[in-house]
């Protein structure tokens, strides 16, 4: 597990997100899976059937790498790509058609909702007065 801070200039700014990474037996020849343990509201991150975590969609991981998986991609590369995805969602790879439509029709409202969600679940109590 590790923690990333939401990127500046995004609704996730100053949020602290716990991430779990699972490495398959065939790693590095097959990609690892990346899960957000901290609740996050994002069109490319899917809440799993287990309510305790959310998964970055496999198709989004492939998109943010702009290639098929290769052993040359390391964890740092993936985490930088995930932070980029938090700033600029990839609407062609949304978790559902509905989330893409909602984001296209009213991106400002979606960002407001994501910010509220971040403040509720990912920002430390002692920081909330500073934001």
N, C-alpha and C. Protein backbone atom coordinates (compact mmCIF):
# COMPACT_ATOMS: atom_id res chain seq x y z
N UNK A 1 0.84 -1.18 0.00
CA UNK A 1 0.00 0.00 0.00
C UNK A 1 0.89 1.24 0.00
N UNK A 2 0.35 2.28 -0.58
CA UNK A 2 1.02 3.56 -0.55
C UNK A 2 -0.01 4.67 -0.59
N UNK A 3 0.45 5.87 -0.40
CA UNK A 3 -0.45 7.01 -0.36
C UNK A 3 0.01 8.02 -1.40
N UNK A 4 -0.96 8.56 -2.15
CA UNK A 4 -0.64 9.65 -3.07
C UNK A 4 -1.48 10.85 -2.67
N UNK A 5 -0.97 12.02 -2.98
CA UNK A 5 -1.71 13.25 -2.74
C UNK A 5 -2.37 13.66 -4.04
N UNK A 6 -3.62 14.08 -3.95
CA UNK A 6 -4.32 14.52 -5.14
C UNK A 6 -3.59 15.68 -5.78
N UNK A 7 -3.49 15.69 -7.11
CA UNK A 7 -2.74 16.75 -7.78
C UNK A 7 -3.39 18.11 -7.64
N UNK A 8 -2.53 19.14 -7.58
CA UNK A 8 -3.03 20.52 -7.61
C UNK A 8 -3.80 20.70 -8.91
N UNK A 9 -4.63 21.71 -8.95
CA UNK A 9 -5.43 22.01 -10.14
C UNK A 9 -6.37 20.87 -10.50
N UNK A 10 -6.83 20.15 -9.49
CA UNK A 10 -7.82 19.10 -9.71
C UNK A 10 -8.78 19.11 -8.52
N UNK A 11 -9.95 18.49 -8.66
CA UNK A 11 -10.87 18.41 -7.53
C UNK A 11 -10.31 17.57 -6.38
N UNK A 12 -9.21 16.88 -6.62
CA UNK A 12 -8.63 15.96 -5.63
C UNK A 12 -7.47 16.60 -4.87
N UNK A 13 -7.22 17.87 -5.13
CA UNK A 13 -6.13 18.59 -4.50
C UNK A 13 -6.20 18.49 -2.99
N UNK A 14 -5.06 18.23 -2.36
CA UNK A 14 -4.90 18.10 -0.91
C UNK A 14 -5.59 16.88 -0.33
N UNK A 15 -6.14 16.06 -1.19
CA UNK A 15 -6.69 14.79 -0.72
C UNK A 15 -5.56 13.77 -0.60
N UNK A 16 -5.65 12.93 0.37
CA UNK A 16 -4.68 11.85 0.57
C UNK A 16 -5.38 10.54 0.26
N UNK A 17 -4.90 9.84 -0.75
CA UNK A 17 -5.55 8.64 -1.23
C UNK A 17 -4.66 7.42 -0.99
N UNK A 18 -5.18 6.48 -0.25
CA UNK A 18 -4.47 5.22 -0.03
C UNK A 18 -4.73 4.33 -1.25
N UNK A 19 -3.66 3.73 -1.74
CA UNK A 19 -3.73 2.88 -2.92
C UNK A 19 -3.13 1.52 -2.58
N UNK A 20 -3.77 0.49 -3.08
CA UNK A 20 -3.25 -0.87 -2.95
C UNK A 20 -2.86 -1.34 -4.35
N UNK A 21 -1.71 -1.96 -4.45
CA UNK A 21 -1.24 -2.46 -5.72
C UNK A 21 -1.00 -3.96 -5.56
N UNK A 22 -1.57 -4.73 -6.48
CA UNK A 22 -1.35 -6.17 -6.45
C UNK A 22 -0.55 -6.56 -7.69
N UNK A 23 0.46 -7.35 -7.45
CA UNK A 23 1.34 -7.80 -8.53
C UNK A 23 1.05 -9.26 -8.85
N UNK A 24 0.68 -9.56 -10.08
CA UNK A 24 0.43 -10.95 -10.45
C UNK A 24 1.74 -11.75 -10.52
N UNK A 25 1.63 -13.04 -10.51
CA UNK A 25 2.81 -13.90 -10.56
C UNK A 25 3.66 -13.64 -11.80
N UNK A 26 3.02 -13.25 -12.89
CA UNK A 26 3.74 -13.05 -14.15
C UNK A 26 4.28 -11.63 -14.32
N UNK A 27 4.15 -10.80 -13.28
CA UNK A 27 4.72 -9.46 -13.35
C UNK A 27 6.24 -9.58 -13.50
N UNK A 28 6.90 -8.82 -14.32
CA UNK A 28 6.46 -7.60 -15.01
C UNK A 28 5.92 -7.82 -16.42
N UNK A 29 5.66 -9.05 -16.77
CA UNK A 29 5.19 -9.31 -18.14
C UNK A 29 3.69 -9.10 -18.31
N UNK A 30 2.98 -8.98 -17.21
CA UNK A 30 1.57 -8.58 -17.22
C UNK A 30 1.43 -7.45 -16.20
N UNK A 31 0.49 -6.52 -16.44
CA UNK A 31 0.40 -5.36 -15.55
C UNK A 31 -0.14 -5.72 -14.16
N UNK A 32 0.19 -4.87 -13.23
CA UNK A 32 -0.36 -5.01 -11.89
C UNK A 32 -1.73 -4.35 -11.84
N UNK A 33 -2.45 -4.58 -10.79
CA UNK A 33 -3.77 -3.95 -10.57
C UNK A 33 -3.59 -2.86 -9.52
N UNK A 34 -4.28 -1.77 -9.72
CA UNK A 34 -4.18 -0.64 -8.82
C UNK A 34 -5.57 -0.33 -8.28
N UNK A 35 -5.70 -0.26 -6.96
CA UNK A 35 -6.99 -0.02 -6.31
C UNK A 35 -6.89 1.18 -5.38
N UNK A 36 -7.90 2.03 -5.40
CA UNK A 36 -8.01 3.10 -4.42
C UNK A 36 -8.74 2.56 -3.21
N UNK A 37 -8.11 2.62 -2.05
CA UNK A 37 -8.78 2.23 -0.81
C UNK A 37 -9.58 3.40 -0.26
N UNK A 38 -9.11 4.61 -0.51
CA UNK A 38 -9.84 5.81 -0.12
C UNK A 38 -10.94 6.03 -1.15
N UNK A 39 -12.17 6.25 -0.71
CA UNK A 39 -13.25 6.51 -1.68
C UNK A 39 -12.91 7.71 -2.57
N UNK A 40 -13.17 7.54 -3.86
CA UNK A 40 -12.89 8.59 -4.84
C UNK A 40 -14.00 8.59 -5.88
N UNK A 41 -14.37 9.77 -6.32
CA UNK A 41 -15.41 9.93 -7.33
C UNK A 41 -14.75 10.42 -8.61
N UNK A 42 -14.65 9.54 -9.60
CA UNK A 42 -13.94 9.85 -10.85
C UNK A 42 -14.51 8.98 -11.96
N UNK A 43 -14.67 9.55 -13.17
CA UNK A 43 -15.28 8.77 -14.25
C UNK A 43 -14.46 7.59 -14.76
N UNK A 44 -13.17 7.52 -14.42
CA UNK A 44 -12.34 6.40 -14.86
C UNK A 44 -12.01 5.42 -13.74
N UNK A 45 -12.59 5.64 -12.58
CA UNK A 45 -12.30 4.78 -11.44
C UNK A 45 -13.60 4.14 -10.99
N UNK A 46 -13.61 2.84 -11.00
CA UNK A 46 -14.83 2.06 -10.79
C UNK A 46 -14.89 1.51 -9.37
N UNK A 47 -16.01 1.78 -8.71
CA UNK A 47 -16.24 1.16 -7.41
C UNK A 47 -16.50 -0.32 -7.66
N UNK A 48 -15.80 -1.15 -6.93
CA UNK A 48 -15.94 -2.59 -7.14
C UNK A 48 -17.13 -3.13 -6.35
N UNK A 49 -17.41 -4.38 -6.57
CA UNK A 49 -18.53 -5.00 -5.84
C UNK A 49 -18.24 -5.04 -4.35
N UNK A 50 -16.97 -5.06 -3.99
CA UNK A 50 -16.58 -4.95 -2.58
C UNK A 50 -16.57 -3.45 -2.28
N UNK A 51 -17.39 -3.00 -1.38
CA UNK A 51 -17.57 -1.56 -1.15
C UNK A 51 -16.35 -0.89 -0.53
N UNK A 52 -15.31 -1.66 -0.19
CA UNK A 52 -14.19 -1.04 0.51
C UNK A 52 -13.12 -0.48 -0.41
N UNK A 53 -13.20 -0.70 -1.72
CA UNK A 53 -12.19 -0.13 -2.59
C UNK A 53 -12.73 0.11 -4.00
N UNK A 54 -11.97 0.89 -4.77
CA UNK A 54 -12.32 1.21 -6.15
C UNK A 54 -11.15 0.88 -7.05
N UNK A 55 -11.43 0.41 -8.24
CA UNK A 55 -10.38 -0.03 -9.16
C UNK A 55 -10.25 0.95 -10.32
N UNK A 56 -9.01 1.30 -10.65
CA UNK A 56 -8.78 2.06 -11.87
C UNK A 56 -9.02 1.11 -13.02
N UNK A 57 -9.91 1.46 -13.91
CA UNK A 57 -10.28 0.56 -15.00
C UNK A 57 -9.05 0.16 -15.82
N UNK A 58 -8.97 -1.12 -16.16
CA UNK A 58 -7.86 -1.62 -16.96
C UNK A 58 -7.70 -0.83 -18.25
N UNK A 59 -8.82 -0.50 -18.88
CA UNK A 59 -8.74 0.23 -20.14
C UNK A 59 -8.13 1.61 -19.92
N UNK A 60 -8.38 2.22 -18.77
CA UNK A 60 -7.79 3.53 -18.47
C UNK A 60 -6.30 3.42 -18.26
N UNK A 61 -5.87 2.37 -17.59
CA UNK A 61 -4.43 2.15 -17.39
C UNK A 61 -3.74 2.04 -18.75
N UNK A 62 -4.33 1.25 -19.65
CA UNK A 62 -3.73 1.10 -20.97
C UNK A 62 -3.72 2.44 -21.71
N UNK A 63 -4.80 3.21 -21.57
CA UNK A 63 -4.87 4.49 -22.26
C UNK A 63 -3.80 5.44 -21.73
N UNK A 64 -3.69 5.53 -20.41
CA UNK A 64 -2.75 6.51 -19.87
C UNK A 64 -1.31 6.14 -20.20
N UNK A 65 -1.05 4.88 -20.46
CA UNK A 65 0.28 4.50 -20.90
C UNK A 65 0.45 4.73 -22.40
N UNK A 66 -0.67 4.86 -23.10
CA UNK A 66 -0.69 5.09 -24.54
C UNK A 66 -0.10 3.93 -25.34
N UNK A 67 0.02 2.78 -24.73
CA UNK A 67 0.54 1.58 -25.39
C UNK A 67 -0.05 0.38 -24.67
N UNK A 68 0.19 -0.78 -25.23
CA UNK A 68 -0.11 -2.00 -24.48
C UNK A 68 0.94 -2.14 -23.39
N UNK A 69 0.64 -2.93 -22.40
CA UNK A 69 1.54 -3.10 -21.27
C UNK A 69 2.92 -3.57 -21.73
N UNK A 70 3.93 -3.07 -21.10
CA UNK A 70 5.30 -3.49 -21.36
C UNK A 70 6.05 -3.51 -20.03
N UNK A 71 6.98 -4.43 -19.85
CA UNK A 71 7.77 -4.46 -18.61
C UNK A 71 8.58 -3.19 -18.35
N UNK A 72 8.73 -2.34 -19.36
CA UNK A 72 9.49 -1.11 -19.12
C UNK A 72 8.73 -0.10 -18.27
N UNK A 73 7.40 -0.27 -18.16
CA UNK A 73 6.61 0.64 -17.33
C UNK A 73 6.76 0.23 -15.88
N UNK A 74 7.20 1.17 -15.09
CA UNK A 74 7.37 0.88 -13.67
C UNK A 74 6.28 1.56 -12.85
N UNK A 75 6.32 1.35 -11.58
CA UNK A 75 5.30 1.90 -10.69
C UNK A 75 5.28 3.42 -10.73
N UNK A 76 6.43 4.05 -10.78
CA UNK A 76 6.48 5.51 -10.83
C UNK A 76 5.76 6.04 -12.06
N UNK A 77 5.99 5.40 -13.20
CA UNK A 77 5.33 5.79 -14.45
C UNK A 77 3.81 5.69 -14.32
N UNK A 78 3.35 4.59 -13.75
CA UNK A 78 1.91 4.38 -13.60
C UNK A 78 1.31 5.42 -12.65
N UNK A 79 1.96 5.68 -11.53
CA UNK A 79 1.42 6.65 -10.56
C UNK A 79 1.39 8.06 -11.16
N UNK A 80 2.39 8.42 -11.94
CA UNK A 80 2.35 9.72 -12.63
C UNK A 80 1.18 9.77 -13.61
N UNK A 81 0.95 8.66 -14.28
CA UNK A 81 -0.16 8.60 -15.23
C UNK A 81 -1.51 8.68 -14.53
N UNK A 82 -1.62 8.03 -13.37
CA UNK A 82 -2.86 8.10 -12.61
C UNK A 82 -3.11 9.54 -12.15
N UNK A 83 -2.07 10.23 -11.68
CA UNK A 83 -2.23 11.63 -11.28
C UNK A 83 -2.67 12.47 -12.48
N UNK A 84 -2.12 12.20 -13.66
CA UNK A 84 -2.56 12.89 -14.86
C UNK A 84 -4.02 12.61 -15.17
N UNK A 85 -4.44 11.40 -14.94
CA UNK A 85 -5.84 11.01 -15.16
C UNK A 85 -6.76 11.74 -14.18
N UNK A 86 -6.28 11.98 -12.96
CA UNK A 86 -7.09 12.72 -11.98
C UNK A 86 -7.29 14.17 -12.42
N UNK A 87 -6.31 14.72 -13.10
CA UNK A 87 -6.42 16.10 -13.60
C UNK A 87 -7.30 16.14 -14.84
N UNK A 88 -7.09 15.20 -15.75
CA UNK A 88 -7.81 15.17 -17.04
C UNK A 88 -8.41 13.80 -17.27
N UNK A 89 -9.66 13.60 -16.87
CA UNK A 89 -10.30 12.30 -17.11
C UNK A 89 -10.32 11.96 -18.60
N UNK A 90 -10.20 10.68 -18.89
CA UNK A 90 -10.28 10.21 -20.27
C UNK A 90 -11.71 9.76 -20.53
N UNK A 91 -12.47 10.61 -21.19
CA UNK A 91 -13.90 10.35 -21.36
C UNK A 91 -14.20 9.23 -22.34
N UNK A 92 -13.24 8.84 -23.16
CA UNK A 92 -13.45 7.69 -24.04
C UNK A 92 -13.35 6.38 -23.29
N UNK A 93 -12.83 6.42 -22.07
CA UNK A 93 -12.60 5.22 -21.27
C UNK A 93 -13.34 5.28 -19.93
N UNK A 94 -14.49 5.91 -19.90
CA UNK A 94 -15.24 6.03 -18.65
C UNK A 94 -15.76 4.68 -18.19
N UNK A 95 -16.08 4.60 -16.91
CA UNK A 95 -16.59 3.34 -16.36
C UNK A 95 -17.97 3.02 -16.87
N UNK A 96 -18.70 4.06 -17.31
CA UNK A 96 -20.02 3.82 -17.88
C UNK A 96 -20.33 4.92 -18.89
N UNK A 97 -21.20 4.61 -19.80
CA UNK A 97 -21.64 5.61 -20.77
C UNK A 97 -22.27 6.79 -20.05
N UNK A 98 -23.04 6.51 -19.00
CA UNK A 98 -23.72 7.55 -18.25
C UNK A 98 -22.73 8.53 -17.62
N UNK A 99 -21.63 8.03 -17.05
CA UNK A 99 -20.67 8.94 -16.43
C UNK A 99 -20.00 9.83 -17.48
N UNK A 100 -19.79 9.31 -18.67
CA UNK A 100 -19.22 10.13 -19.76
C UNK A 100 -20.20 11.21 -20.18
N UNK A 101 -21.47 10.85 -20.31
CA UNK A 101 -22.50 11.82 -20.70
C UNK A 101 -22.60 12.92 -19.64
N UNK A 102 -22.66 12.53 -18.38
CA UNK A 102 -22.75 13.51 -17.29
C UNK A 102 -21.56 14.46 -17.30
N UNK A 103 -20.36 13.92 -17.46
CA UNK A 103 -19.17 14.76 -17.45
C UNK A 103 -19.15 15.69 -18.66
N UNK A 104 -19.54 15.18 -19.84
CA UNK A 104 -19.57 16.02 -21.04
C UNK A 104 -20.60 17.13 -20.93
N UNK A 105 -21.76 16.83 -20.35
CA UNK A 105 -22.84 17.81 -20.27
C UNK A 105 -22.58 18.87 -19.22
N UNK A 106 -21.95 18.48 -18.11
CA UNK A 106 -21.75 19.45 -17.05
C UNK A 106 -20.46 19.16 -16.28
N UNK A 107 -19.31 19.41 -16.91
CA UNK A 107 -18.04 19.10 -16.26
C UNK A 107 -17.82 19.88 -14.96
N UNK A 108 -18.29 21.12 -14.91
CA UNK A 108 -18.09 21.92 -13.68
C UNK A 108 -18.83 21.29 -12.50
N UNK A 109 -20.05 20.82 -12.73
CA UNK A 109 -20.81 20.19 -11.64
C UNK A 109 -20.15 18.88 -11.21
N UNK A 110 -19.64 18.13 -12.17
CA UNK A 110 -18.95 16.88 -11.83
C UNK A 110 -17.71 17.16 -10.99
N UNK A 111 -16.98 18.22 -11.31
CA UNK A 111 -15.80 18.59 -10.53
C UNK A 111 -16.19 19.04 -9.12
N UNK A 112 -17.30 19.76 -9.01
CA UNK A 112 -17.78 20.18 -7.68
C UNK A 112 -18.13 18.96 -6.84
N UNK A 113 -18.81 17.99 -7.43
CA UNK A 113 -19.17 16.78 -6.70
C UNK A 113 -17.92 15.98 -6.30
N UNK A 114 -16.95 15.91 -7.21
CA UNK A 114 -15.70 15.21 -6.90
C UNK A 114 -14.96 15.91 -5.76
N UNK A 115 -15.00 17.24 -5.75
CA UNK A 115 -14.34 18.00 -4.68
C UNK A 115 -15.02 17.75 -3.34
N UNK A 116 -16.36 17.78 -3.34
CA UNK A 116 -17.10 17.49 -2.10
C UNK A 116 -16.76 16.10 -1.58
N UNK A 117 -16.70 15.15 -2.48
CA UNK A 117 -16.38 13.77 -2.13
C UNK A 117 -14.97 13.68 -1.54
N UNK A 118 -14.03 14.39 -2.17
CA UNK A 118 -12.65 14.42 -1.68
C UNK A 118 -12.60 15.02 -0.27
N UNK A 119 -13.30 16.13 -0.07
CA UNK A 119 -13.31 16.76 1.26
C UNK A 119 -13.92 15.85 2.31
N UNK A 120 -14.91 15.06 1.92
CA UNK A 120 -15.57 14.16 2.87
C UNK A 120 -14.72 12.95 3.22
N UNK A 121 -13.96 12.44 2.27
CA UNK A 121 -13.29 11.15 2.48
C UNK A 121 -11.77 11.18 2.46
N UNK A 122 -11.15 12.22 1.89
CA UNK A 122 -9.71 12.15 1.66
C UNK A 122 -8.89 13.28 2.27
N UNK A 123 -9.54 14.26 2.88
CA UNK A 123 -8.80 15.38 3.46
C UNK A 123 -8.81 15.25 4.98
N UNK A 124 -7.62 15.37 5.56
CA UNK A 124 -7.51 15.29 7.02
C UNK A 124 -8.32 16.40 7.67
N UNK A 125 -8.93 16.09 8.80
CA UNK A 125 -9.76 17.06 9.52
C UNK A 125 -9.01 18.35 9.81
N UNK A 126 -7.75 18.27 10.22
CA UNK A 126 -7.01 19.47 10.60
C UNK A 126 -6.62 20.34 9.40
N UNK A 127 -6.82 19.84 8.18
CA UNK A 127 -6.54 20.64 6.99
C UNK A 127 -7.79 21.34 6.46
N UNK A 128 -8.96 20.88 6.84
CA UNK A 128 -10.19 21.38 6.22
C UNK A 128 -10.37 22.87 6.41
N UNK A 129 -9.92 23.42 7.53
CA UNK A 129 -10.05 24.85 7.76
C UNK A 129 -9.14 25.67 6.87
N UNK A 130 -8.09 25.05 6.31
CA UNK A 130 -7.14 25.76 5.47
C UNK A 130 -7.54 25.77 4.00
N UNK A 131 -8.53 24.97 3.63
CA UNK A 131 -8.88 24.84 2.21
C UNK A 131 -9.98 25.80 1.84
